[in-house]
Amino acid sequence: MVCGQEIEQRQAALSDNQPVTAELERDGPIRVAIVEDLREVREGLATMIGNAPGFRCVGSYRTMEEALLGMAGGPPSVILTDIGLPGMSGIDGARILRERFPDVPILALTVYDDDKNVFEAICAGASGYLLKNTVPERLLESIREVAEGGAPMSPEVARRVVRLFRELKPPPRAAYHLTPQETALLKLVAEGHHYKTAAGEMGISTNTVAFHLKNIYLKLQVHSKTEAVVKALHDRVI
């Protein structure tokens, strides 16, 4: 299901031969697509996001299969997805979405807070992981945060991630041949910086940050900032 007047806007863009992309216009709203099988939850999220200043719901889907078809015309700014979906799971869908839209952050919103789902979602390319008990104000903040390059997590999930790292036996330091600037940027991302703040710390533009991140993803063979940090910490790159 596509929200609001999004279908008309996509048709207009296609008729003008203008590709639909995930790029935001300056000061434009954050365009959010929702994947959630429970109708009440899905409609509630769509209403909340659609009525919030600075946000727009551009798609609302019951299954991942519907979402993949609905986003064929162009990706949103952020994908908000459940994990336990009928048919294709949110984790399997995240892998496909990450391949199709490598620059679009995926934010998991689920009831599952166990180690297996958290770890698999991050490895699949989720940039953030929230539980469904997250209050609306925090959810909107997290959507904005992930759109700006952050990696929001519910406190319970963050504690699990920290514990998982403590239990992992660090392997010998891996060599991925990162440049000093790429290593410095990766450290800033691990500290929670997003594009703008990392650019400010390093004295470079956000476009240069994006360029370095793409090189980091290629060298580490990952698809998201969260996955890059997980691998960098595990392999003692930073």
Protein backbone atom coordinates (compact mmCIF):
# COMPACT_ATOMS: atom_id res chain seq x y z
CA MET A 1 0.00 0.00 0.00
CA VAL A 2 1.37 3.41 -0.95
CA CYS A 3 0.52 6.32 1.30
CA GLY A 4 -1.09 9.61 0.37
CA GLN A 5 -0.44 11.05 -3.07
CA GLU A 6 2.82 9.19 -3.55
CA ILE A 7 1.53 7.15 -6.52
CA GLU A 8 0.61 10.32 -8.41
CA GLN A 9 3.97 11.88 -7.60
CA ARG A 10 5.86 8.80 -8.83
CA GLN A 11 3.82 8.68 -12.02
CA ALA A 12 4.50 12.36 -12.64
CA ALA A 13 8.21 11.85 -12.08
CA LEU A 14 8.31 8.89 -14.44
CA SER A 15 6.34 10.74 -17.12
CA ASP A 16 8.91 13.52 -16.99
CA ASN A 17 11.71 10.93 -17.25
CA GLN A 18 12.96 11.98 -13.84
CA PRO A 19 14.23 9.03 -11.78
CA VAL A 20 12.86 8.61 -8.28
CA THR A 21 15.80 8.45 -5.87
CA ALA A 22 16.44 8.38 -2.14
CA GLU A 23 18.00 11.81 -2.24
CA LEU A 24 16.23 14.40 -0.10
CA GLU A 25 15.66 17.85 -1.40
CA ARG A 26 17.23 20.48 0.78
CA ASP A 27 15.02 20.90 3.83
CA GLY A 28 12.63 18.31 2.38
CA PRO A 29 10.80 15.70 4.44
CA ILE A 30 12.24 12.31 5.36
CA ARG A 31 10.41 9.78 3.19
CA VAL A 32 9.66 6.60 5.15
CA ALA A 33 8.47 3.22 3.90
CA ILE A 34 6.92 0.83 6.45
CA VAL A 35 6.93 -2.99 6.35
CA GLU A 36 4.68 -4.40 9.08
CA ASP A 37 2.21 -7.30 8.91
CA LEU A 38 -0.12 -6.23 11.76
CA ARG A 39 -2.67 -3.83 10.28
CA GLU A 40 -3.27 -1.84 13.46
CA VAL A 41 0.45 -1.29 13.99
CA ARG A 42 1.08 -0.54 10.31
CA GLU A 43 -1.72 2.00 10.07
CA GLY A 44 -0.72 3.58 13.37
CA LEU A 45 2.87 4.03 12.21
CA ALA A 46 1.73 5.44 8.87
CA THR A 47 -0.54 7.96 10.60
CA MET A 48 2.10 8.99 13.13
CA ILE A 49 4.82 9.45 10.51
CA GLY A 50 2.50 11.11 8.00
CA ASN A 51 1.32 13.68 10.55
CA ALA A 52 4.78 14.48 11.95
CA PRO A 53 6.44 17.66 10.64
CA GLY A 54 9.46 16.85 8.49
CA PHE A 55 8.34 13.29 7.71
CA ARG A 56 6.28 11.65 4.99
CA CYS A 57 4.97 8.09 4.74
CA VAL A 58 5.59 6.99 1.13
CA GLY A 59 4.75 3.31 1.45
CA SER A 60 2.98 0.93 3.82
CA TYR A 61 3.33 -2.81 3.15
CA ARG A 62 2.09 -5.97 4.88
CA THR A 63 4.85 -8.25 3.57
CA MET A 64 8.43 -7.89 2.39
CA GLU A 65 7.39 -9.24 -1.01
CA GLU A 66 4.90 -6.36 -1.37
CA ALA A 67 7.55 -3.88 -0.24
CA LEU A 68 10.09 -5.07 -2.79
CA LEU A 69 7.52 -4.63 -5.56
CA GLY A 70 6.34 -1.29 -4.22
CA MET A 71 9.84 0.14 -4.07
CA ALA A 72 10.70 -0.92 -7.61
CA GLY A 73 9.99 2.63 -8.82
CA GLY A 74 12.50 4.13 -6.41
CA PRO A 75 13.60 3.90 -2.79
CA PRO A 76 12.47 6.00 0.19
CA SER A 77 14.82 7.86 2.52
CA VAL A 78 14.43 5.27 5.31
CA ILE A 79 12.97 1.76 5.43
CA LEU A 80 11.26 0.87 8.73
CA THR A 81 10.67 -2.88 8.92
CA ASP A 82 9.52 -5.59 11.27
CA ILE A 83 11.56 -8.82 11.43
CA GLY A 84 8.83 -11.42 11.99
CA LEU A 85 6.89 -11.12 8.74
CA PRO A 86 4.75 -13.67 6.88
CA GLY A 87 6.61 -15.14 3.93
CA MET A 88 10.03 -13.56 3.56
CA SER A 89 11.43 -12.44 6.91
CA GLY A 90 12.54 -8.89 7.57
CA ILE A 91 16.13 -10.11 7.89
CA ASP A 92 16.12 -11.84 4.49
CA GLY A 93 14.39 -8.81 3.02
CA ALA A 94 17.01 -6.49 4.50
CA ARG A 95 19.73 -8.36 2.61
CA ILE A 96 17.91 -7.82 -0.68
CA LEU A 97 17.10 -4.19 0.09
CA ARG A 98 20.71 -3.53 1.04
CA GLU A 99 21.86 -4.91 -2.31
CA ARG A 100 19.28 -2.89 -4.25
CA PHE A 101 19.54 0.34 -2.29
CA PRO A 102 22.96 0.42 -0.57
CA ASP A 103 22.57 4.08 0.45
CA VAL A 104 19.13 3.70 2.10
CA PRO A 105 19.27 2.99 5.85
CA ILE A 106 17.13 0.15 7.20
CA LEU A 107 15.69 0.51 10.70
CA ALA A 108 14.38 -2.66 12.36
CA LEU A 109 11.32 -2.23 14.58
CA THR A 110 10.38 -5.49 16.28
CA VAL A 111 9.44 -7.32 19.47
CA TYR A 112 12.48 -9.60 19.21
CA ASP A 113 15.40 -8.66 21.47
CA ASP A 114 17.28 -11.99 21.49
CA ASP A 115 20.94 -12.26 20.48
CA LYS A 116 20.25 -14.24 17.30
CA ASN A 117 17.81 -11.76 15.75
CA VAL A 118 19.82 -8.70 16.78
CA PHE A 119 23.06 -10.11 15.37
CA GLU A 120 21.48 -11.41 12.15
CA ALA A 121 19.63 -8.14 11.51
CA ILE A 122 22.81 -6.10 11.86
CA CYS A 123 24.76 -8.51 9.67
CA ALA A 124 21.97 -8.35 7.07
CA GLY A 125 22.43 -4.59 6.83
CA ALA A 126 20.13 -2.99 9.42
CA SER A 127 21.51 0.39 10.44
CA GLY A 128 19.46 0.51 13.65
CA TYR A 129 17.38 -1.79 15.86
CA LEU A 130 14.42 -0.65 17.95
CA LEU A 131 11.88 -2.54 20.02
CA LYS A 132 8.18 -1.93 19.53
CA ASN A 133 7.84 -0.49 23.03
CA THR A 134 9.77 2.57 21.78
CA VAL A 135 7.70 5.71 22.44
CA PRO A 136 6.59 7.71 19.36
CA GLU A 137 8.85 10.67 20.09
CA ARG A 138 11.93 8.43 20.33
CA LEU A 139 10.89 6.52 17.20
CA LEU A 140 10.71 9.72 15.16
CA GLU A 141 14.07 10.84 16.59
CA SER A 142 15.55 7.48 15.60
CA ILE A 143 14.21 7.70 12.05
CA ARG A 144 15.79 11.14 11.69
CA GLU A 145 19.00 9.89 13.31
CA VAL A 146 19.34 6.92 10.96
CA ALA A 147 18.54 9.15 7.96
CA GLU A 148 21.45 11.38 8.99
CA GLY A 149 23.88 8.47 9.25
CA GLY A 150 23.36 7.36 12.85
CA ALA A 151 22.75 3.87 14.26
CA PRO A 152 19.95 4.11 16.85
CA MET A 153 19.26 1.18 19.16
CA SER A 154 16.88 0.57 22.04
CA PRO A 155 18.77 0.51 25.37
CA GLU A 156 18.04 -3.21 25.84
CA VAL A 157 19.45 -3.98 22.40
CA ALA A 158 22.53 -1.81 22.93
CA ARG A 159 23.31 -3.72 26.13
CA ARG A 160 23.05 -7.02 24.28
CA VAL A 161 25.39 -5.78 21.54
CA VAL A 162 27.96 -4.68 24.13
CA ARG A 163 27.71 -8.05 25.89
CA LEU A 164 28.12 -9.92 22.60
CA PHE A 165 31.32 -8.02 21.90
CA ARG A 166 32.66 -8.80 25.35
CA GLU A 167 32.03 -12.51 24.82
CA LEU A 168 33.69 -12.60 21.41
CA LYS A 169 37.31 -13.67 21.47
CA PRO A 170 39.15 -11.07 19.41
CA PRO A 171 40.96 -12.56 16.42
CA PRO A 172 44.39 -11.40 15.23
CA ARG A 173 44.26 -7.88 13.86
CA ALA A 174 43.03 -8.05 10.28
CA ALA A 175 44.56 -5.97 7.50
CA TYR A 176 42.04 -4.35 5.18
CA HIS A 177 44.43 -1.68 3.91
CA LEU A 178 42.35 1.26 5.06
CA THR A 179 43.90 4.67 4.60
CA PRO A 180 44.56 6.78 7.72
CA GLN A 181 41.60 8.99 6.82
CA GLU A 182 39.30 5.98 6.34
CA THR A 183 40.41 4.56 9.71
CA ALA A 184 39.80 7.91 11.41
CA LEU A 185 36.32 8.13 9.87
CA LEU A 186 35.51 4.57 10.94
CA LYS A 187 36.48 5.43 14.52
CA LEU A 188 34.15 8.44 14.46
CA VAL A 189 31.30 6.31 13.12
CA ALA A 190 31.92 3.80 15.93
CA GLU A 191 31.65 6.66 18.41
CA GLY A 192 28.19 7.50 17.07
CA HIS A 193 28.95 10.31 14.63
CA HIS A 194 26.83 10.72 11.51
CA TYR A 195 27.75 12.34 8.19
CA LYS A 196 27.57 15.96 9.30
CA THR A 197 29.36 15.64 12.63
CA ALA A 198 32.04 13.35 11.21
CA ALA A 199 32.64 15.83 8.41
CA GLY A 200 32.98 18.61 10.97
CA GLU A 201 35.44 16.63 13.08
CA MET A 202 37.61 15.79 10.08
CA GLY A 203 37.32 19.14 8.32
CA ILE A 204 35.92 17.62 5.12
CA SER A 205 32.62 17.78 3.26
CA THR A 206 29.74 15.33 3.71
CA ASN A 207 30.28 14.24 0.10
CA THR A 208 33.85 13.31 0.98
CA VAL A 209 32.58 11.38 4.01
CA ALA A 210 30.20 9.45 1.74
CA PHE A 211 33.06 8.75 -0.68
CA HIS A 212 35.29 7.38 2.10
CA LEU A 213 32.44 5.28 3.52
CA LYS A 214 31.85 3.63 0.15
CA ASN A 215 35.55 2.74 0.01
CA ILE A 216 35.37 1.38 3.56
CA TYR A 217 32.33 -0.76 2.68
CA LEU A 218 34.18 -2.14 -0.35
CA LYS A 219 37.34 -2.97 1.60
CA LEU A 220 35.50 -4.53 4.54
CA GLN A 221 32.93 -6.19 2.24
CA VAL A 222 29.95 -4.81 4.17
CA HIS A 223 26.85 -2.83 3.24
CA SER A 224 26.11 -0.45 6.13
CA LYS A 225 27.77 1.69 8.80
CA THR A 226 26.56 -0.59 11.57
CA GLU A 227 27.92 -3.67 9.83
CA ALA A 228 31.23 -1.86 9.19
CA VAL A 229 31.60 -0.96 12.87
CA VAL A 230 30.73 -4.50 13.98
CA LYS A 231 33.34 -5.99 11.64
CA ALA A 232 35.96 -3.35 12.44
CA LEU A 233 35.63 -3.94 16.17
CA HIS A 234 35.55 -7.71 15.82
CA ASP A 235 38.60 -7.79 13.53
CA ARG A 236 40.42 -5.15 15.60
CA VAL A 237 40.65 -2.71 12.71
CA ILE A 238 39.96 0.16 15.12
